[in-house]
Amino acid sequence: MRLIAVGRMRPGPEAELCARYADRLRPRLSVTELADGYGSPAEIRRREAESLLSALPADSFAVALDLGGPAPSSETLAKQLETWLGLGRRLTFLIGGAEGLAASILARADHVLSLGPLTWPHMLVRVMLLEQLYRARSLAAGHPYHRGGRD
C-alpha cells in the first residue's frame, strides 16, 4: 500500500500517531510527501494535482480522499480494503492539501473516499486514514482491536 500526500509532516503528535499506525500495518504502507502548492486556490489545486499525478504509478488503484465521496462504516471500509488488496494492483491513497483535490485527481481516482462531512486539517486526515486502515486490517484478521458493537 502507498500514501501520496501533499504537505510535509513535521515532528509532533500527528507524526507520532502516523508512525504508530504505519508500523502496525500489513502490508506495509509507504508514504510519499509532496510540496504544498502556491498561488491562488485554483492554482494551488492545479500544481498539487500535477505533483500527485506524476507521483502516482500508472497501474495503481487510486483512492482519493475527498468530502464528495461516500463515508463508509469501519466494517464496510474493511471489506472494501480487502477487495482492493485482492485486485493485484498497487493500492494508493491520495490526500490533497488545504485547498482540496483538483477535479483531475477525482477523475483519475478509481474510488473516492470520505472520512465524514467534517472539515479536518489535512495532516489529521493522514492520522485518521492510517488508523482506519489499521482497524480494517484488524477486522479482516479477527483481531479484537475493533469494538464496534453497541449495547
Protein backbone atom coordinates (compact mmCIF):
# COMPACT_ATOMS: atom_id res chain seq x y z
CA MET A 1 0.00 0.00 0.00
CA ARG A 2 1.06 3.54 -0.62
CA LEU A 3 0.03 7.00 0.54
CA ILE A 4 0.81 10.07 -1.55
CA ALA A 5 0.03 13.22 0.39
CA VAL A 6 0.52 16.93 -0.09
CA GLY A 7 2.42 18.58 2.74
CA ARG A 8 5.35 17.56 4.86
CA MET A 9 4.61 16.12 8.29
CA ARG A 10 6.58 17.92 10.97
CA PRO A 11 7.74 16.24 14.16
CA GLY A 12 5.00 16.23 16.76
CA PRO A 13 1.91 14.34 17.93
CA GLU A 14 0.46 13.86 14.44
CA ALA A 15 3.72 12.40 13.12
CA GLU A 16 3.99 10.11 16.15
CA LEU A 17 0.46 8.78 15.60
CA CYS A 18 1.10 8.26 11.88
CA ALA A 19 4.28 6.35 12.67
CA ARG A 20 2.49 4.23 15.29
CA TYR A 21 -0.23 3.08 12.88
CA ALA A 22 2.10 2.77 9.88
CA ASP A 23 4.39 0.46 11.88
CA ARG A 24 1.45 -1.83 12.65
CA LEU A 25 0.09 -2.03 9.10
CA ARG A 26 0.48 -5.09 6.92
CA PRO A 27 1.06 -4.85 4.07
CA ARG A 28 3.47 -2.02 4.85
CA LEU A 29 2.49 1.49 3.85
CA SER A 30 4.99 3.64 2.02
CA VAL A 31 4.45 7.39 2.30
CA THR A 32 5.38 9.95 -0.32
CA GLU A 33 5.13 13.58 0.74
CA LEU A 34 4.79 16.33 -1.84
CA ALA A 35 5.40 20.04 -1.50
CA ASP A 36 2.43 22.31 -0.91
CA GLY A 37 1.33 24.32 -3.94
CA TYR A 38 1.34 28.10 -4.03
CA GLY A 39 -0.70 30.82 -5.67
CA SER A 40 -4.47 31.25 -5.84
CA PRO A 41 -6.63 28.36 -4.57
CA ALA A 42 -7.23 27.18 -8.15
CA GLU A 43 -3.51 27.40 -8.97
CA ILE A 44 -2.63 25.53 -5.78
CA ARG A 45 -5.02 22.70 -6.68
CA ARG A 46 -3.62 22.60 -10.23
CA ARG A 47 0.01 22.45 -9.09
CA GLU A 48 -0.70 19.86 -6.41
CA ALA A 49 -2.67 17.76 -8.91
CA GLU A 50 0.32 17.74 -11.28
CA SER A 51 2.55 16.57 -8.43
CA LEU A 52 0.09 13.90 -7.27
CA LEU A 53 -0.44 12.55 -10.78
CA SER A 54 3.28 12.45 -11.54
CA ALA A 55 3.94 10.52 -8.29
CA LEU A 56 1.08 8.06 -8.90
CA PRO A 57 2.20 4.87 -10.66
CA ALA A 58 0.10 4.29 -13.79
CA ASP A 59 -1.05 0.83 -12.67
CA SER A 60 -2.23 1.97 -9.23
CA PHE A 61 -5.70 1.53 -7.87
CA ALA A 62 -6.10 5.12 -6.63
CA VAL A 63 -8.32 6.05 -3.71
CA ALA A 64 -8.74 9.82 -3.35
CA LEU A 65 -9.82 11.24 -0.01
CA ASP A 66 -12.47 13.88 -0.63
CA LEU A 67 -15.60 15.15 1.11
CA GLY A 68 -17.62 14.30 -2.01
CA GLY A 69 -17.07 10.56 -1.66
CA PRO A 70 -19.07 8.07 0.37
CA ALA A 71 -18.25 7.80 4.08
CA PRO A 72 -18.44 4.08 4.84
CA SER A 73 -18.55 2.47 8.25
CA SER A 74 -15.33 0.92 9.50
CA GLU A 75 -16.73 -2.53 8.73
CA THR A 76 -17.61 -1.54 5.16
CA LEU A 77 -14.19 0.04 4.64
CA ALA A 78 -12.57 -3.18 5.89
CA LYS A 79 -14.45 -5.18 3.24
CA GLN A 80 -13.58 -2.64 0.54
CA LEU A 81 -9.92 -2.71 1.55
CA GLU A 82 -9.78 -6.48 1.26
CA THR A 83 -11.33 -6.25 -2.21
CA TRP A 84 -8.87 -3.55 -3.29
CA LEU A 85 -5.89 -5.50 -1.97
CA GLY A 86 -7.06 -8.53 -3.94
CA LEU A 87 -7.07 -6.67 -7.26
CA GLY A 88 -3.37 -7.28 -7.87
CA ARG A 89 -2.74 -3.55 -8.40
CA ARG A 90 -0.77 -1.22 -6.15
CA LEU A 91 -3.27 0.36 -3.76
CA THR A 92 -2.53 4.07 -3.45
CA PHE A 93 -4.33 6.61 -1.28
CA LEU A 94 -4.22 10.28 -2.28
CA ILE A 95 -4.57 13.19 0.17
CA GLY A 96 -4.54 16.74 -1.13
CA GLY A 97 -3.50 19.91 0.57
CA ALA A 98 -5.53 22.54 2.39
CA GLU A 99 -7.34 23.59 -0.81
CA GLY A 100 -8.54 20.06 -1.52
CA LEU A 101 -8.15 17.96 -4.67
CA ALA A 102 -8.46 19.17 -8.23
CA ALA A 103 -11.11 17.67 -10.50
CA SER A 104 -8.35 15.90 -12.47
CA ILE A 105 -7.44 13.85 -9.38
CA LEU A 106 -11.04 12.90 -8.72
CA ALA A 107 -11.42 11.92 -12.38
CA ARG A 108 -8.32 9.68 -12.20
CA ALA A 109 -9.33 8.07 -8.91
CA ASP A 110 -10.71 4.55 -9.03
CA HIS A 111 -12.59 5.31 -5.82
CA VAL A 112 -13.32 8.46 -3.81
CA LEU A 113 -13.48 8.06 -0.04
CA SER A 114 -14.70 10.46 2.61
CA LEU A 115 -13.89 10.20 6.29
CA GLY A 116 -17.08 12.12 7.06
CA PRO A 117 -18.65 15.51 6.47
CA LEU A 118 -16.50 17.43 8.95
CA THR A 119 -13.58 19.50 7.68
CA TRP A 120 -10.22 18.35 9.08
CA PRO A 121 -6.68 19.66 8.72
CA HIS A 122 -5.04 17.51 6.04
CA MET A 123 -2.34 16.32 8.46
CA LEU A 124 -5.03 14.93 10.77
CA VAL A 125 -6.65 13.24 7.79
CA ARG A 126 -3.44 11.21 7.45
CA VAL A 127 -3.72 10.05 11.05
CA MET A 128 -7.40 9.19 10.66
CA LEU A 129 -6.78 7.29 7.41
CA LEU A 130 -3.91 5.27 8.88
CA GLU A 131 -5.95 4.41 11.97
CA GLN A 132 -8.86 3.27 9.80
CA LEU A 133 -6.55 1.19 7.62
CA TYR A 134 -5.12 -0.46 10.72
CA ARG A 135 -8.67 -1.01 12.05
CA ALA A 136 -9.72 -2.51 8.70
CA ARG A 137 -6.79 -4.92 8.64
CA SER A 138 -7.51 -5.85 12.29
CA LEU A 139 -11.14 -6.58 11.41
CA ALA A 140 -10.06 -8.77 8.50
CA ALA A 141 -7.70 -10.69 10.77
CA GLY A 142 -10.29 -11.17 13.51
CA HIS A 143 -8.18 -9.13 15.93
CA PRO A 144 -10.08 -7.63 18.91
CA TYR A 145 -8.84 -4.05 18.24
CA HIS A 146 -12.21 -3.05 16.73
CA ARG A 147 -15.02 -2.69 19.23
CA GLY A 148 -17.82 -1.53 17.01
CA GLY A 149 -20.75 -3.10 18.85
CA ARG A 150 -23.20 -1.10 20.90
CA ASP A 151 -25.24 -2.29 23.85
